[in-house]
Amino acid sequence: MLNIAWLLRASRWARNPPSAKRVKLVVGVIAVCVALFAIERLVGWPDWLTVNGPSRGVPLR
């Protein structure tokens, strides 16, 4: 169920849509994120970027 605040925000957005420049920016950011995700899934995560966890004998604080 939609909250009334979201409906008010949607109506305001419909009356004053974002500029084409902002839409291109958001689409570009989403495209870069999808590309990075796809590369990570196809190639894999490099070992040198993996953080080593604490050893089992050391308690976490």
N, C-alpha and C. Protein backbone atom coordinates (compact mmCIF):
# COMPACT_ATOMS: atom_id res chain seq x y z
N MET A 1 0.84 -1.18 0.00
CA MET A 1 0.00 0.00 0.00
C MET A 1 0.88 1.24 0.00
N LEU A 2 0.54 2.22 -0.78
CA LEU A 2 1.34 3.43 -0.88
C LEU A 2 1.05 4.39 0.26
N ASN A 3 2.08 5.00 0.70
CA ASN A 3 1.96 6.02 1.73
C ASN A 3 1.50 7.33 1.06
N ILE A 4 0.76 8.14 1.78
CA ILE A 4 0.26 9.41 1.21
C ILE A 4 1.41 10.34 0.86
N ALA A 5 2.50 10.25 1.61
CA ALA A 5 3.66 11.10 1.31
C ALA A 5 4.26 10.76 -0.06
N TRP A 6 4.28 9.46 -0.39
CA TRP A 6 4.80 9.05 -1.70
C TRP A 6 3.88 9.52 -2.81
N LEU A 7 2.59 9.49 -2.57
CA LEU A 7 1.65 9.98 -3.59
C LEU A 7 1.80 11.48 -3.80
N LEU A 8 2.00 12.23 -2.72
CA LEU A 8 2.22 13.67 -2.86
C LEU A 8 3.52 13.96 -3.60
N ARG A 9 4.55 13.19 -3.28
CA ARG A 9 5.84 13.37 -3.97
C ARG A 9 5.70 13.05 -5.45
N ALA A 10 4.96 11.99 -5.78
CA ALA A 10 4.77 11.62 -7.18
C ALA A 10 3.98 12.69 -7.93
N SER A 11 2.97 13.27 -7.28
CA SER A 11 2.20 14.31 -7.96
C SER A 11 3.05 15.56 -8.19
N ARG A 12 3.90 15.89 -7.22
CA ARG A 12 4.80 17.05 -7.38
C ARG A 12 5.80 16.78 -8.50
N TRP A 13 6.29 15.52 -8.58
CA TRP A 13 7.26 15.16 -9.60
C TRP A 13 6.61 15.18 -10.98
N ALA A 14 5.34 14.79 -11.06
CA ALA A 14 4.63 14.81 -12.34
C ALA A 14 4.40 16.24 -12.83
N ARG A 15 4.20 17.16 -11.89
CA ARG A 15 4.00 18.56 -12.28
C ARG A 15 5.32 19.24 -12.66
N ASN A 16 6.39 18.88 -11.98
CA ASN A 16 7.72 19.46 -12.25
C ASN A 16 8.73 18.34 -12.48
N PRO A 17 8.74 17.76 -13.68
CA PRO A 17 9.66 16.64 -13.94
C PRO A 17 11.11 17.11 -13.94
N PRO A 18 12.04 16.19 -13.67
CA PRO A 18 13.45 16.57 -13.67
C PRO A 18 13.92 16.92 -15.09
N SER A 19 15.00 17.66 -15.15
CA SER A 19 15.53 18.06 -16.45
C SER A 19 16.14 16.86 -17.17
N ALA A 20 16.31 17.00 -18.46
CA ALA A 20 16.90 15.92 -19.26
C ALA A 20 18.32 15.64 -18.81
N LYS A 21 19.03 16.68 -18.39
CA LYS A 21 20.41 16.51 -17.93
C LYS A 21 20.45 15.63 -16.67
N ARG A 22 19.52 15.84 -15.75
CA ARG A 22 19.49 15.03 -14.53
C ARG A 22 19.10 13.59 -14.83
N VAL A 23 18.16 13.40 -15.76
CA VAL A 23 17.76 12.05 -16.14
C VAL A 23 18.93 11.31 -16.76
N LYS A 24 19.69 11.99 -17.62
CA LYS A 24 20.87 11.36 -18.23
C LYS A 24 21.90 11.01 -17.17
N LEU A 25 22.08 11.87 -16.18
CA LEU A 25 23.02 11.59 -15.10
C LEU A 25 22.62 10.35 -14.32
N VAL A 26 21.36 10.25 -13.95
CA VAL A 26 20.89 9.10 -13.18
C VAL A 26 20.99 7.82 -14.00
N VAL A 27 20.62 7.88 -15.26
CA VAL A 27 20.72 6.70 -16.12
C VAL A 27 22.19 6.30 -16.29
N GLY A 28 23.08 7.28 -16.41
CA GLY A 28 24.50 6.98 -16.53
C GLY A 28 25.07 6.31 -15.28
N VAL A 29 24.68 6.80 -14.12
CA VAL A 29 25.15 6.21 -12.86
C VAL A 29 24.64 4.78 -12.73
N ILE A 30 23.38 4.56 -13.08
CA ILE A 30 22.82 3.21 -13.01
C ILE A 30 23.52 2.29 -14.00
N ALA A 31 23.84 2.78 -15.19
CA ALA A 31 24.54 1.98 -16.19
C ALA A 31 25.93 1.59 -15.72
N VAL A 32 26.63 2.52 -15.08
CA VAL A 32 27.97 2.21 -14.55
C VAL A 32 27.87 1.14 -13.46
N CYS A 33 26.89 1.26 -12.59
CA CYS A 33 26.71 0.27 -11.51
C CYS A 33 26.40 -1.11 -12.09
N VAL A 34 25.53 -1.16 -13.09
CA VAL A 34 25.19 -2.45 -13.71
C VAL A 34 26.41 -3.04 -14.41
N ALA A 35 27.19 -2.19 -15.08
CA ALA A 35 28.39 -2.68 -15.76
C ALA A 35 29.41 -3.24 -14.76
N LEU A 36 29.62 -2.54 -13.65
CA LEU A 36 30.55 -3.04 -12.63
C LEU A 36 30.05 -4.36 -12.04
N PHE A 37 28.76 -4.46 -11.80
CA PHE A 37 28.20 -5.70 -11.28
C PHE A 37 28.40 -6.85 -12.26
N ALA A 38 28.15 -6.59 -13.54
CA ALA A 38 28.30 -7.63 -14.56
C ALA A 38 29.75 -8.07 -14.68
N ILE A 39 30.68 -7.13 -14.66
CA ILE A 39 32.10 -7.47 -14.74
C ILE A 39 32.51 -8.30 -13.53
N GLU A 40 32.03 -7.92 -12.35
CA GLU A 40 32.37 -8.66 -11.14
C GLU A 40 31.82 -10.07 -11.19
N ARG A 41 30.63 -10.25 -11.75
CA ARG A 41 30.03 -11.58 -11.84
C ARG A 41 30.73 -12.43 -12.89
N LEU A 42 31.13 -11.85 -14.01
CA LEU A 42 31.76 -12.61 -15.08
C LEU A 42 33.23 -12.93 -14.77
N VAL A 43 33.97 -11.96 -14.28
CA VAL A 43 35.40 -12.13 -14.06
C VAL A 43 35.67 -12.64 -12.65
N GLY A 44 34.93 -12.17 -11.69
CA GLY A 44 35.15 -12.58 -10.31
C GLY A 44 35.77 -11.45 -9.51
N TRP A 45 35.79 -11.64 -8.21
CA TRP A 45 36.35 -10.64 -7.31
C TRP A 45 37.82 -10.94 -7.08
N PRO A 46 38.73 -9.97 -7.27
CA PRO A 46 40.15 -10.25 -7.08
C PRO A 46 40.48 -10.50 -5.61
N ASP A 47 41.43 -11.41 -5.39
CA ASP A 47 41.81 -11.75 -4.03
C ASP A 47 42.43 -10.56 -3.30
N TRP A 48 43.12 -9.70 -4.02
CA TRP A 48 43.79 -8.58 -3.35
C TRP A 48 42.80 -7.53 -2.86
N LEU A 49 41.54 -7.59 -3.30
CA LEU A 49 40.53 -6.67 -2.79
C LEU A 49 39.71 -7.26 -1.65
N THR A 50 39.96 -8.53 -1.32
CA THR A 50 39.22 -9.18 -0.25
C THR A 50 39.85 -8.84 1.09
N VAL A 51 39.03 -8.41 2.04
CA VAL A 51 39.51 -8.05 3.37
C VAL A 51 39.65 -9.33 4.18
N ASN A 52 40.80 -9.49 4.82
CA ASN A 52 41.00 -10.65 5.67
C ASN A 52 40.28 -10.43 6.98
N GLY A 53 39.46 -11.40 7.36
CA GLY A 53 38.72 -11.31 8.61
C GLY A 53 39.63 -11.58 9.80
N PRO A 54 39.15 -11.32 11.01
CA PRO A 54 39.97 -11.59 12.18
C PRO A 54 40.14 -13.10 12.36
N SER A 55 41.24 -13.48 12.99
CA SER A 55 41.45 -14.91 13.22
C SER A 55 40.42 -15.41 14.22
N ARG A 56 40.22 -16.71 14.25
CA ARG A 56 39.16 -17.28 15.09
C ARG A 56 39.44 -17.13 16.58
N GLY A 57 40.70 -16.98 16.98
CA GLY A 57 41.03 -16.87 18.39
C GLY A 57 40.84 -15.48 18.96
N VAL A 58 40.68 -14.48 18.10
CA VAL A 58 40.56 -13.09 18.55
C VAL A 58 39.09 -12.71 18.63
N PRO A 59 38.60 -12.30 19.80
CA PRO A 59 37.19 -11.89 19.89
C PRO A 59 36.97 -10.53 19.23
N LEU A 60 35.78 -10.36 18.64
CA LEU A 60 35.44 -9.09 18.03
C LEU A 60 35.03 -8.09 19.11
N ARG A 61 35.37 -6.83 18.88
CA ARG A 61 35.01 -5.79 19.86
C ARG A 61 33.84 -5.01 19.38
